[in-house]
N, C-alpha and C. Protein backbone atom coordinates (compact mmCIF):
# COMPACT_ATOMS: atom_id res chain seq x y z
N UNK A 1 -43.41 173.37 -84.30
CA UNK A 1 -42.52 172.95 -83.23
C UNK A 1 -42.58 171.44 -83.05
N UNK A 2 -43.78 170.88 -83.09
CA UNK A 2 -43.94 169.44 -82.96
C UNK A 2 -43.28 168.70 -84.11
N UNK A 3 -43.33 169.29 -85.29
CA UNK A 3 -42.70 168.66 -86.45
C UNK A 3 -41.19 168.59 -86.27
N UNK A 4 -40.61 169.67 -85.74
CA UNK A 4 -39.16 169.70 -85.52
C UNK A 4 -38.74 168.65 -84.49
N UNK A 5 -39.54 168.55 -83.40
CA UNK A 5 -39.22 167.55 -82.36
C UNK A 5 -39.33 166.14 -82.92
N UNK A 6 -40.36 165.89 -83.73
CA UNK A 6 -40.53 164.57 -84.33
C UNK A 6 -39.36 164.24 -85.25
N UNK A 7 -38.90 165.23 -86.01
CA UNK A 7 -37.77 165.00 -86.91
C UNK A 7 -36.50 164.69 -86.12
N UNK A 8 -36.30 165.42 -85.00
CA UNK A 8 -35.12 165.17 -84.16
C UNK A 8 -35.17 163.77 -83.56
N UNK A 9 -36.34 163.37 -83.05
CA UNK A 9 -36.47 162.02 -82.48
C UNK A 9 -36.23 160.96 -83.54
N UNK A 10 -36.67 161.22 -84.77
CA UNK A 10 -36.47 160.27 -85.86
C UNK A 10 -34.98 160.11 -86.17
N UNK A 11 -34.26 161.24 -86.20
CA UNK A 11 -32.82 161.18 -86.47
C UNK A 11 -32.07 160.46 -85.34
N UNK A 12 -32.50 160.72 -84.07
CA UNK A 12 -31.84 160.06 -82.94
C UNK A 12 -32.09 158.56 -82.98
N UNK A 13 -33.32 158.15 -83.28
CA UNK A 13 -33.65 156.72 -83.37
C UNK A 13 -32.89 156.05 -84.50
N UNK A 14 -32.80 156.75 -85.62
CA UNK A 14 -32.07 156.19 -86.77
C UNK A 14 -30.59 156.05 -86.46
N UNK A 15 -30.03 157.06 -85.76
CA UNK A 15 -28.60 156.99 -85.40
C UNK A 15 -28.34 155.86 -84.41
N UNK A 16 -29.26 155.69 -83.43
CA UNK A 16 -29.10 154.61 -82.47
C UNK A 16 -29.21 153.26 -83.14
N UNK A 17 -30.18 153.12 -84.05
CA UNK A 17 -30.33 151.86 -84.78
C UNK A 17 -29.12 151.56 -85.65
N UNK A 18 -28.58 152.61 -86.31
CA UNK A 18 -27.40 152.42 -87.15
C UNK A 18 -26.19 152.04 -86.30
N UNK A 19 -26.08 152.64 -85.10
CA UNK A 19 -24.95 152.31 -84.21
C UNK A 19 -25.05 150.88 -83.70
N UNK A 20 -26.27 150.44 -83.32
CA UNK A 20 -26.46 149.07 -82.85
C UNK A 20 -26.19 148.07 -83.96
N UNK A 21 -26.63 148.40 -85.16
CA UNK A 21 -26.40 147.51 -86.29
C UNK A 21 -24.91 147.38 -86.58
N UNK A 22 -24.16 148.46 -86.37
CA UNK A 22 -22.73 148.45 -86.63
C UNK A 22 -21.98 147.64 -85.57
N UNK A 23 -22.53 147.55 -84.34
CA UNK A 23 -21.86 146.83 -83.25
C UNK A 23 -22.18 145.35 -83.24
N UNK A 24 -23.16 144.91 -84.00
CA UNK A 24 -23.50 143.48 -84.04
C UNK A 24 -22.44 142.73 -84.84
N UNK A 25 -22.05 141.56 -84.31
CA UNK A 25 -20.99 140.77 -84.93
C UNK A 25 -21.33 139.30 -84.78
N UNK A 26 -20.96 138.52 -85.77
CA UNK A 26 -21.17 137.08 -85.74
C UNK A 26 -19.83 136.40 -85.43
N UNK A 27 -19.85 135.61 -84.35
CA UNK A 27 -18.63 134.93 -83.90
C UNK A 27 -18.69 133.48 -84.35
N UNK A 28 -17.70 133.08 -85.12
CA UNK A 28 -17.56 131.69 -85.56
C UNK A 28 -16.28 131.13 -84.97
N UNK A 29 -16.35 129.93 -84.42
CA UNK A 29 -15.15 129.39 -83.79
C UNK A 29 -15.21 127.90 -83.62
N UNK A 30 -14.11 127.38 -83.09
CA UNK A 30 -13.98 125.96 -82.80
C UNK A 30 -13.36 125.84 -81.40
N UNK A 31 -13.80 124.83 -80.67
CA UNK A 31 -13.34 124.61 -79.30
C UNK A 31 -12.54 123.32 -79.27
N UNK A 32 -11.32 123.39 -78.72
CA UNK A 32 -10.42 122.24 -78.69
C UNK A 32 -9.90 122.05 -77.26
N UNK A 33 -9.39 120.85 -77.01
CA UNK A 33 -8.79 120.53 -75.72
C UNK A 33 -7.33 120.97 -75.70
N UNK A 34 -6.88 121.51 -74.59
CA UNK A 34 -5.53 122.05 -74.51
C UNK A 34 -4.46 120.96 -74.46
N UNK A 35 -4.82 119.75 -74.01
CA UNK A 35 -3.81 118.71 -73.85
C UNK A 35 -3.65 117.84 -75.08
N UNK A 36 -4.69 117.73 -75.92
CA UNK A 36 -4.60 116.84 -77.07
C UNK A 36 -5.01 117.51 -78.39
N UNK A 37 -5.45 118.74 -78.33
CA UNK A 37 -5.88 119.48 -79.52
C UNK A 37 -7.04 118.80 -80.25
N UNK A 38 -7.82 118.00 -79.55
CA UNK A 38 -9.00 117.39 -80.16
C UNK A 38 -10.20 118.31 -79.95
N UNK A 39 -11.13 118.27 -80.88
CA UNK A 39 -12.30 119.13 -80.79
C UNK A 39 -13.24 118.63 -79.70
N UNK A 40 -13.94 119.56 -79.06
CA UNK A 40 -14.81 119.24 -77.93
C UNK A 40 -16.26 119.54 -78.30
N UNK A 41 -17.12 118.53 -78.31
CA UNK A 41 -18.54 118.77 -78.59
C UNK A 41 -19.30 119.15 -77.34
N UNK A 42 -20.51 119.69 -77.54
CA UNK A 42 -21.46 119.97 -76.45
C UNK A 42 -20.90 120.92 -75.40
N UNK A 43 -20.10 121.87 -75.80
CA UNK A 43 -19.62 122.92 -74.90
C UNK A 43 -20.64 124.06 -74.92
N UNK A 44 -21.08 124.50 -73.75
CA UNK A 44 -22.06 125.58 -73.67
C UNK A 44 -21.37 126.93 -73.88
N UNK A 45 -21.92 127.72 -74.78
CA UNK A 45 -21.40 129.06 -75.07
C UNK A 45 -22.51 130.06 -74.76
N UNK A 46 -22.33 130.87 -73.73
CA UNK A 46 -23.34 131.83 -73.29
C UNK A 46 -22.82 133.24 -73.43
N UNK A 47 -23.74 134.17 -73.67
CA UNK A 47 -23.41 135.60 -73.65
C UNK A 47 -23.70 136.10 -72.25
N UNK A 48 -22.69 136.63 -71.59
CA UNK A 48 -22.81 137.03 -70.20
C UNK A 48 -23.88 138.11 -70.04
N UNK A 49 -24.72 137.92 -69.00
CA UNK A 49 -25.80 138.86 -68.64
C UNK A 49 -26.87 138.95 -69.72
N UNK A 50 -26.93 137.98 -70.61
CA UNK A 50 -27.97 137.93 -71.63
C UNK A 50 -28.48 136.49 -71.72
N UNK A 51 -29.75 136.36 -71.99
CA UNK A 51 -30.37 135.04 -72.03
C UNK A 51 -30.25 134.42 -73.41
N UNK A 52 -29.04 134.35 -73.91
CA UNK A 52 -28.82 133.76 -75.22
C UNK A 52 -27.53 132.95 -75.18
N UNK A 53 -27.52 131.88 -75.96
CA UNK A 53 -26.34 131.03 -76.01
C UNK A 53 -26.49 129.95 -77.06
N UNK A 54 -25.51 129.06 -77.11
CA UNK A 54 -25.52 127.98 -78.08
C UNK A 54 -24.64 126.86 -77.57
N UNK A 55 -24.53 125.78 -78.36
CA UNK A 55 -23.67 124.65 -78.04
C UNK A 55 -22.72 124.39 -79.20
N UNK A 56 -21.58 123.82 -78.90
CA UNK A 56 -20.67 123.41 -79.98
C UNK A 56 -21.17 122.09 -80.59
N UNK A 57 -20.93 121.93 -81.87
CA UNK A 57 -21.40 120.74 -82.58
C UNK A 57 -20.51 119.55 -82.25
N UNK A 58 -20.79 118.42 -82.89
CA UNK A 58 -19.99 117.21 -82.64
C UNK A 58 -18.56 117.38 -83.12
N UNK A 59 -18.30 118.36 -83.96
CA UNK A 59 -16.93 118.66 -84.41
C UNK A 59 -16.32 119.83 -83.63
N UNK A 60 -17.01 120.30 -82.57
CA UNK A 60 -16.49 121.39 -81.76
C UNK A 60 -16.70 122.77 -82.35
N UNK A 61 -17.50 122.88 -83.40
CA UNK A 61 -17.71 124.17 -84.08
C UNK A 61 -18.95 124.85 -83.49
N UNK A 62 -18.89 126.18 -83.36
CA UNK A 62 -20.03 126.94 -82.88
C UNK A 62 -20.10 128.27 -83.62
N UNK A 63 -21.27 128.86 -83.60
CA UNK A 63 -21.48 130.18 -84.16
C UNK A 63 -22.56 130.88 -83.34
N UNK A 64 -22.36 132.15 -83.10
CA UNK A 64 -23.30 132.92 -82.28
C UNK A 64 -23.22 134.39 -82.68
N UNK A 65 -24.36 135.07 -82.62
CA UNK A 65 -24.43 136.49 -82.93
C UNK A 65 -24.51 137.28 -81.62
N UNK A 66 -23.61 138.24 -81.46
CA UNK A 66 -23.59 139.06 -80.25
C UNK A 66 -23.16 140.48 -80.62
N UNK A 67 -22.84 141.27 -79.64
CA UNK A 67 -22.37 142.62 -79.87
C UNK A 67 -20.90 142.72 -79.49
N UNK A 68 -20.22 143.66 -80.12
CA UNK A 68 -18.81 143.89 -79.79
C UNK A 68 -18.70 144.35 -78.34
N UNK A 69 -17.75 143.77 -77.65
CA UNK A 69 -17.59 144.07 -76.24
C UNK A 69 -18.29 143.08 -75.32
N UNK A 70 -19.12 142.19 -75.88
CA UNK A 70 -19.78 141.17 -75.06
C UNK A 70 -18.76 140.13 -74.58
N UNK A 71 -19.13 139.46 -73.50
CA UNK A 71 -18.29 138.40 -72.93
C UNK A 71 -18.94 137.06 -73.19
N UNK A 72 -18.21 136.17 -73.85
CA UNK A 72 -18.68 134.81 -74.10
C UNK A 72 -18.17 133.90 -72.99
N UNK A 73 -19.07 133.12 -72.42
CA UNK A 73 -18.74 132.20 -71.34
C UNK A 73 -18.79 130.77 -71.88
N UNK A 74 -17.68 130.06 -71.74
CA UNK A 74 -17.58 128.67 -72.18
C UNK A 74 -17.65 127.79 -70.94
N UNK A 75 -18.62 126.87 -70.90
CA UNK A 75 -18.86 126.04 -69.74
C UNK A 75 -19.07 124.59 -70.17
N UNK A 76 -18.45 123.68 -69.40
CA UNK A 76 -18.66 122.25 -69.62
C UNK A 76 -18.17 121.49 -68.40
N UNK A 77 -18.92 120.46 -68.00
CA UNK A 77 -18.53 119.64 -66.86
C UNK A 77 -17.24 118.89 -67.18
N UNK A 78 -16.26 119.00 -66.29
CA UNK A 78 -14.97 118.36 -66.49
C UNK A 78 -13.92 119.29 -67.06
N UNK A 79 -14.30 120.54 -67.38
CA UNK A 79 -13.34 121.51 -67.91
C UNK A 79 -13.48 122.82 -67.13
N UNK A 80 -12.39 123.52 -67.02
CA UNK A 80 -12.41 124.80 -66.31
C UNK A 80 -13.17 125.85 -67.12
N UNK A 81 -14.02 126.64 -66.45
CA UNK A 81 -14.76 127.68 -67.19
C UNK A 81 -13.82 128.73 -67.76
N UNK A 82 -14.23 129.30 -68.88
CA UNK A 82 -13.41 130.27 -69.58
C UNK A 82 -14.29 131.41 -70.09
N UNK A 83 -13.85 132.65 -69.87
CA UNK A 83 -14.56 133.84 -70.36
C UNK A 83 -13.69 134.54 -71.39
N UNK A 84 -14.31 134.92 -72.51
CA UNK A 84 -13.61 135.60 -73.60
C UNK A 84 -14.40 136.84 -73.97
N UNK A 85 -13.70 137.97 -74.00
CA UNK A 85 -14.32 139.25 -74.36
C UNK A 85 -14.10 139.50 -75.84
N UNK A 86 -15.19 139.76 -76.57
CA UNK A 86 -15.08 140.09 -77.98
C UNK A 86 -14.56 141.53 -78.09
N UNK A 87 -13.48 141.76 -78.83
CA UNK A 87 -12.91 143.11 -78.92
C UNK A 87 -13.94 144.12 -79.43
N UNK A 88 -14.00 145.25 -78.75
CA UNK A 88 -14.96 146.27 -79.15
C UNK A 88 -14.54 146.97 -80.43
N UNK A 89 -13.26 146.89 -80.77
CA UNK A 89 -12.75 147.51 -81.99
C UNK A 89 -12.55 146.49 -83.11
N UNK A 90 -13.22 145.34 -83.01
CA UNK A 90 -13.11 144.34 -84.07
C UNK A 90 -13.69 144.88 -85.37
N UNK A 91 -12.98 144.63 -86.45
CA UNK A 91 -13.40 145.15 -87.75
C UNK A 91 -14.33 144.17 -88.44
N UNK A 92 -15.30 144.73 -89.16
CA UNK A 92 -16.22 143.91 -89.91
C UNK A 92 -17.33 143.34 -89.04
N UNK A 93 -18.11 142.45 -89.65
CA UNK A 93 -19.25 141.85 -88.98
C UNK A 93 -19.02 140.38 -88.62
N UNK A 94 -17.81 139.90 -88.82
CA UNK A 94 -17.49 138.50 -88.51
C UNK A 94 -16.21 138.46 -87.68
N UNK A 95 -16.17 137.48 -86.76
CA UNK A 95 -15.01 137.33 -85.90
C UNK A 95 -14.74 135.84 -85.72
N UNK A 96 -13.51 135.42 -85.95
CA UNK A 96 -13.12 134.01 -85.83
C UNK A 96 -12.41 133.79 -84.50
N UNK A 97 -12.69 132.64 -83.87
CA UNK A 97 -12.16 132.37 -82.54
C UNK A 97 -11.85 130.88 -82.41
N UNK A 98 -10.66 130.59 -81.91
CA UNK A 98 -10.27 129.23 -81.55
C UNK A 98 -10.05 129.20 -80.05
N UNK A 99 -10.94 128.50 -79.35
CA UNK A 99 -10.92 128.51 -77.88
C UNK A 99 -10.43 127.16 -77.36
N UNK A 100 -9.45 127.20 -76.47
CA UNK A 100 -8.94 125.98 -75.83
C UNK A 100 -9.55 125.84 -74.43
N UNK A 101 -9.84 124.61 -74.05
CA UNK A 101 -10.41 124.31 -72.74
C UNK A 101 -9.44 123.41 -71.99
N UNK A 102 -9.19 123.75 -70.72
CA UNK A 102 -8.28 122.98 -69.87
C UNK A 102 -9.11 122.00 -69.05
N UNK A 103 -8.70 120.73 -69.10
CA UNK A 103 -9.44 119.70 -68.37
C UNK A 103 -9.25 119.88 -66.87
N UNK A 104 -10.35 119.81 -66.15
CA UNK A 104 -10.33 119.96 -64.69
C UNK A 104 -10.70 118.61 -64.09
N UNK A 105 -9.69 117.83 -63.73
CA UNK A 105 -9.90 116.47 -63.25
C UNK A 105 -9.90 116.46 -61.73
N UNK A 106 -10.85 115.77 -61.16
CA UNK A 106 -10.89 115.60 -59.71
C UNK A 106 -11.32 114.17 -59.42
N UNK A 107 -10.79 113.64 -58.32
CA UNK A 107 -11.04 112.25 -57.94
C UNK A 107 -11.90 112.21 -56.68
N UNK A 108 -12.88 111.35 -56.71
CA UNK A 108 -13.76 111.16 -55.56
C UNK A 108 -13.36 109.88 -54.83
N UNK A 109 -13.53 109.85 -53.53
CA UNK A 109 -13.20 108.63 -52.80
C UNK A 109 -14.10 107.48 -53.22
N UNK A 110 -13.56 106.27 -53.12
CA UNK A 110 -14.30 105.09 -53.53
C UNK A 110 -15.50 104.86 -52.61
N UNK A 111 -16.64 104.54 -53.21
CA UNK A 111 -17.87 104.27 -52.47
C UNK A 111 -18.30 102.84 -52.75
N UNK A 112 -18.48 102.07 -51.71
CA UNK A 112 -18.91 100.67 -51.83
C UNK A 112 -20.37 100.57 -51.41
N UNK A 113 -21.20 100.10 -52.29
CA UNK A 113 -22.64 99.94 -52.04
C UNK A 113 -22.92 98.46 -51.79
N UNK A 114 -23.45 98.16 -50.63
CA UNK A 114 -23.76 96.78 -50.27
C UNK A 114 -25.26 96.65 -50.00
N UNK A 115 -25.94 95.73 -50.66
CA UNK A 115 -27.39 95.56 -50.43
C UNK A 115 -27.65 94.85 -49.12
N UNK A 116 -28.58 95.38 -48.35
CA UNK A 116 -28.99 94.76 -47.08
C UNK A 116 -30.51 94.66 -47.06
N UNK A 117 -31.04 93.54 -46.59
CA UNK A 117 -32.49 93.35 -46.66
C UNK A 117 -33.28 94.21 -45.68
N UNK A 118 -32.66 94.66 -44.59
CA UNK A 118 -33.42 95.36 -43.56
C UNK A 118 -32.52 96.41 -42.91
N UNK A 119 -33.14 97.45 -42.36
CA UNK A 119 -32.35 98.51 -41.73
C UNK A 119 -31.64 98.02 -40.47
N UNK A 120 -32.20 96.98 -39.82
CA UNK A 120 -31.52 96.42 -38.65
C UNK A 120 -30.18 95.81 -39.05
N UNK A 121 -30.15 95.17 -40.22
CA UNK A 121 -28.90 94.64 -40.71
C UNK A 121 -27.90 95.77 -40.98
N UNK A 122 -28.44 96.89 -41.46
CA UNK A 122 -27.57 98.04 -41.71
C UNK A 122 -26.96 98.54 -40.41
N UNK A 123 -27.76 98.63 -39.36
CA UNK A 123 -27.23 99.09 -38.07
C UNK A 123 -26.16 98.14 -37.56
N UNK A 124 -26.39 96.84 -37.70
CA UNK A 124 -25.40 95.87 -37.25
C UNK A 124 -24.12 95.98 -38.09
N UNK A 125 -24.31 96.12 -39.40
CA UNK A 125 -23.14 96.22 -40.28
C UNK A 125 -22.35 97.49 -40.01
N UNK A 126 -23.07 98.58 -39.72
CA UNK A 126 -22.40 99.84 -39.46
C UNK A 126 -21.54 99.76 -38.20
N UNK A 127 -21.97 98.95 -37.24
CA UNK A 127 -21.24 98.85 -35.97
C UNK A 127 -20.16 97.79 -36.00
N UNK A 128 -20.37 96.67 -36.76
CA UNK A 128 -19.49 95.52 -36.62
C UNK A 128 -18.73 95.15 -37.88
N UNK A 129 -19.20 95.56 -39.02
CA UNK A 129 -18.49 95.18 -40.24
C UNK A 129 -17.14 95.87 -40.29
N UNK A 130 -16.16 95.16 -40.79
CA UNK A 130 -14.84 95.73 -41.00
C UNK A 130 -14.59 95.84 -42.50
N UNK A 131 -14.54 97.05 -43.00
CA UNK A 131 -14.33 97.28 -44.43
C UNK A 131 -12.83 97.20 -44.72
N UNK A 132 -12.50 96.46 -45.74
CA UNK A 132 -11.09 96.34 -46.12
C UNK A 132 -10.51 97.69 -46.51
N UNK A 133 -9.24 97.85 -46.22
CA UNK A 133 -8.56 99.10 -46.57
C UNK A 133 -8.49 99.26 -48.08
N UNK A 134 -8.60 100.51 -48.54
CA UNK A 134 -8.47 100.78 -49.96
C UNK A 134 -6.98 100.85 -50.32
N UNK A 135 -6.71 101.09 -51.59
CA UNK A 135 -5.33 101.08 -52.07
C UNK A 135 -4.49 102.19 -51.45
N UNK A 136 -5.11 103.35 -51.23
CA UNK A 136 -4.37 104.47 -50.65
C UNK A 136 -3.96 104.17 -49.20
N UNK A 137 -4.86 103.53 -48.45
CA UNK A 137 -4.53 103.19 -47.07
C UNK A 137 -3.47 102.10 -47.02
N UNK A 138 -3.56 101.13 -47.93
CA UNK A 138 -2.54 100.08 -47.98
C UNK A 138 -1.18 100.67 -48.32
N UNK A 139 -1.15 101.60 -49.27
CA UNK A 139 0.12 102.25 -49.63
C UNK A 139 0.68 103.04 -48.46
N UNK A 140 -0.20 103.71 -47.70
CA UNK A 140 0.27 104.48 -46.55
C UNK A 140 0.86 103.56 -45.49
N UNK A 141 0.21 102.41 -45.24
CA UNK A 141 0.73 101.47 -44.26
C UNK A 141 2.05 100.84 -44.72
N UNK A 142 2.18 100.59 -46.00
CA UNK A 142 3.41 99.98 -46.50
C UNK A 142 4.60 100.93 -46.41
N UNK A 143 4.34 102.21 -46.31
CA UNK A 143 5.42 103.19 -46.18
C UNK A 143 5.75 103.50 -44.73
N UNK A 144 5.14 102.77 -43.81
CA UNK A 144 5.46 102.97 -42.41
C UNK A 144 6.90 102.53 -42.14
N UNK A 145 7.67 103.36 -41.40
CA UNK A 145 9.08 103.09 -41.19
C UNK A 145 9.31 101.80 -40.42
N UNK A 146 8.47 101.51 -39.41
CA UNK A 146 8.65 100.28 -38.64
C UNK A 146 8.41 99.05 -39.51
N UNK A 147 7.40 99.12 -40.38
CA UNK A 147 7.13 97.98 -41.25
C UNK A 147 8.26 97.81 -42.27
N UNK A 148 8.76 98.90 -42.82
CA UNK A 148 9.86 98.80 -43.77
C UNK A 148 11.11 98.22 -43.10
N UNK A 149 11.34 98.61 -41.85
CA UNK A 149 12.50 98.08 -41.14
C UNK A 149 12.34 96.57 -40.86
N UNK A 150 11.11 96.15 -40.52
CA UNK A 150 10.88 94.72 -40.28
C UNK A 150 11.04 93.92 -41.58
N UNK A 151 10.57 94.47 -42.69
CA UNK A 151 10.70 93.76 -43.97
C UNK A 151 12.17 93.67 -44.38
N UNK A 152 12.95 94.70 -44.06
CA UNK A 152 14.36 94.69 -44.47
C UNK A 152 15.14 93.55 -43.83
N UNK A 153 14.72 93.08 -42.62
CA UNK A 153 15.43 91.98 -41.97
C UNK A 153 15.18 90.66 -42.66
N UNK A 154 14.09 90.53 -43.41
CA UNK A 154 13.78 89.28 -44.09
C UNK A 154 14.34 89.21 -45.50
N UNK A 155 14.90 90.29 -45.99
CA UNK A 155 15.42 90.32 -47.35
C UNK A 155 16.84 89.76 -47.39
N UNK A 156 17.19 89.20 -48.52
CA UNK A 156 18.56 88.70 -48.71
C UNK A 156 19.53 89.86 -48.82
N UNK A 157 20.78 89.57 -48.52
CA UNK A 157 21.80 90.62 -48.59
C UNK A 157 22.03 91.02 -50.05
N UNK A 158 22.23 92.30 -50.25
CA UNK A 158 22.59 92.75 -51.59
C UNK A 158 24.11 92.64 -51.76
N UNK A 159 24.61 93.09 -52.90
CA UNK A 159 26.03 92.94 -53.19
C UNK A 159 26.92 93.67 -52.20
N UNK A 160 26.53 94.86 -51.82
CA UNK A 160 27.35 95.65 -50.89
C UNK A 160 27.40 94.99 -49.51
N UNK A 161 26.25 94.51 -49.03
CA UNK A 161 26.22 93.87 -47.72
C UNK A 161 27.00 92.55 -47.74
N UNK A 162 26.88 91.77 -48.81
CA UNK A 162 27.60 90.51 -48.89
C UNK A 162 29.10 90.73 -48.93
N UNK A 163 29.52 91.77 -49.63
CA UNK A 163 30.94 92.10 -49.67
C UNK A 163 31.45 92.48 -48.27
N UNK A 164 30.63 93.22 -47.53
CA UNK A 164 31.02 93.61 -46.18
C UNK A 164 31.19 92.38 -45.27
N UNK A 165 30.28 91.39 -45.40
CA UNK A 165 30.39 90.17 -44.60
C UNK A 165 31.65 89.40 -44.95
N UNK A 166 31.95 89.29 -46.24
CA UNK A 166 33.14 88.56 -46.67
C UNK A 166 34.42 89.25 -46.19
N UNK A 167 34.44 90.56 -46.25
CA UNK A 167 35.62 91.28 -45.78
C UNK A 167 35.82 91.10 -44.27
N UNK A 168 34.74 91.11 -43.50
CA UNK A 168 34.86 90.87 -42.05
C UNK A 168 35.38 89.46 -41.77
N UNK A 169 34.91 88.50 -42.55
CA UNK A 169 35.37 87.12 -42.36
C UNK A 169 36.85 86.99 -42.66
N UNK A 170 37.30 87.62 -43.78
CA UNK A 170 38.72 87.56 -44.11
C UNK A 170 39.56 88.29 -43.07
N UNK A 171 39.06 89.39 -42.57
CA UNK A 171 39.79 90.13 -41.54
C UNK A 171 39.95 89.30 -40.28
N UNK A 172 38.89 88.56 -39.89
CA UNK A 172 38.97 87.72 -38.69
C UNK A 172 39.96 86.57 -38.90
N UNK A 173 40.01 86.01 -40.10
CA UNK A 173 40.95 84.93 -40.37
C UNK A 173 42.39 85.42 -40.33
N UNK A 174 42.61 86.66 -40.82
CA UNK A 174 43.97 87.20 -40.80
C UNK A 174 44.43 87.54 -39.38
N UNK A 175 43.48 87.82 -38.49
CA UNK A 175 43.85 88.13 -37.11
C UNK A 175 44.50 86.94 -36.42
N UNK A 176 44.07 85.72 -36.77
CA UNK A 176 44.58 84.51 -36.11
C UNK A 176 45.45 83.69 -37.06
N UNK A 177 46.01 84.32 -38.08
CA UNK A 177 46.83 83.59 -39.03
C UNK A 177 48.12 83.09 -38.33
N UNK A 178 48.41 81.79 -38.47
CA UNK A 178 49.60 81.21 -37.85
C UNK A 178 49.40 80.76 -36.43
N UNK A 179 48.19 80.83 -35.88
CA UNK A 179 47.93 80.40 -34.51
C UNK A 179 46.54 79.79 -34.42
N UNK A 180 46.29 79.14 -33.32
CA UNK A 180 45.00 78.47 -33.11
C UNK A 180 43.93 79.48 -32.74
N UNK A 181 42.80 79.41 -33.43
CA UNK A 181 41.69 80.31 -33.10
C UNK A 181 41.04 79.89 -31.79
N UNK A 182 40.53 80.84 -31.02
CA UNK A 182 39.89 80.51 -29.74
C UNK A 182 38.63 79.69 -29.95
N UNK A 183 38.33 78.83 -28.97
CA UNK A 183 37.14 78.00 -29.02
C UNK A 183 35.90 78.84 -28.70
N UNK A 184 34.82 78.54 -29.41
CA UNK A 184 33.57 79.28 -29.20
C UNK A 184 32.57 78.52 -28.34
N UNK A 185 33.09 77.52 -27.59
CA UNK A 185 32.16 76.71 -26.83
C UNK A 185 31.53 77.48 -25.67
N UNK A 186 32.22 78.50 -25.20
CA UNK A 186 31.66 79.29 -24.11
C UNK A 186 31.01 80.60 -24.60
N UNK A 187 30.84 80.74 -25.90
CA UNK A 187 30.25 81.96 -26.45
C UNK A 187 28.73 81.89 -26.39
N UNK A 188 28.06 82.82 -25.73
CA UNK A 188 26.58 82.80 -25.70
C UNK A 188 25.96 82.95 -27.08
N UNK A 189 26.63 83.71 -27.96
CA UNK A 189 26.08 83.89 -29.30
C UNK A 189 26.07 82.58 -30.07
N UNK A 190 27.17 81.79 -29.93
CA UNK A 190 27.23 80.52 -30.64
C UNK A 190 26.21 79.54 -30.09
N UNK A 191 26.02 79.56 -28.76
CA UNK A 191 25.00 78.70 -28.16
C UNK A 191 23.60 79.10 -28.66
N UNK A 192 23.38 80.41 -28.85
CA UNK A 192 22.10 80.86 -29.39
C UNK A 192 21.89 80.39 -30.81
N UNK A 193 22.95 80.42 -31.63
CA UNK A 193 22.85 79.93 -33.00
C UNK A 193 22.60 78.43 -33.02
N UNK A 194 23.25 77.71 -32.10
CA UNK A 194 23.05 76.25 -32.02
C UNK A 194 21.60 75.93 -31.65
N UNK A 195 21.03 76.69 -30.71
CA UNK A 195 19.65 76.45 -30.28
C UNK A 195 18.68 76.72 -31.42
N UNK A 196 18.89 77.78 -32.16
CA UNK A 196 18.01 78.09 -33.29
C UNK A 196 18.12 77.01 -34.37
N UNK A 197 19.34 76.53 -34.64
CA UNK A 197 19.52 75.48 -35.64
C UNK A 197 18.87 74.18 -35.19
N UNK A 198 18.94 73.89 -33.88
CA UNK A 198 18.30 72.69 -33.36
C UNK A 198 16.78 72.77 -33.48
N UNK A 199 16.20 73.95 -33.26
CA UNK A 199 14.75 74.12 -33.42
C UNK A 199 14.33 73.99 -34.88
N UNK A 200 15.17 74.44 -35.78
CA UNK A 200 14.83 74.31 -37.20
C UNK A 200 14.95 72.88 -37.70
N UNK A 201 15.63 72.05 -36.95
CA UNK A 201 15.79 70.66 -37.37
C UNK A 201 16.99 70.44 -38.26
N UNK A 202 18.02 71.32 -38.14
CA UNK A 202 19.19 71.16 -38.99
C UNK A 202 19.98 69.89 -38.67
N UNK A 203 19.82 69.34 -37.45
CA UNK A 203 20.60 68.17 -37.06
C UNK A 203 19.82 66.86 -37.17
N UNK A 204 18.62 66.94 -37.77
CA UNK A 204 17.86 65.71 -37.95
C UNK A 204 18.48 64.85 -39.03
N UNK A 205 18.38 63.56 -38.87
CA UNK A 205 18.94 62.64 -39.83
C UNK A 205 18.09 62.65 -41.10
N UNK A 206 18.75 62.86 -42.20
CA UNK A 206 18.05 62.94 -43.48
C UNK A 206 18.19 61.63 -44.21
N UNK A 207 17.05 61.21 -44.80
CA UNK A 207 17.06 59.95 -45.54
C UNK A 207 17.69 60.14 -46.92
């Protein structure tokens, strides 16, 4: 009876070993960037839930031995993580894989490091120093509607505005064609223009 049990255990162990040997597969592949198709070195390739892994070479090539149905995890700083499941019905003992990695770019706010000789100086600087605005804050202020409106008053007229002024002038001349135009001596607007011209020095004698 013991001999029969030993023979059965031997057959079961042999069948399990043969099944495990049949499920082992060697994965060979190359890792490239999705935006430029260039090879990526030093990409970590791990077998999920197992303490085994490897790295891609300087040409982005890697090779690893795992079992069919295992999940390969591709990890690298600056790229989005990617998981790939090896097909359980893959034929043969070798499997080729070309894996693309998507770049994961993120921007950190600017940090300015200023050396201070003593912590008391730091406390004073923290309370009284005025740090210049960064580029994003300057851009936000430049898009303020009130500032844009104030800047627009200092700009020269474009073609459309100049044409509008000329048409108004011609229209005013046609209104008084054949007769004397009214005097502007009592016009407050003209007196305002005269005062501004006098302040600018338009009536000073030029050498």
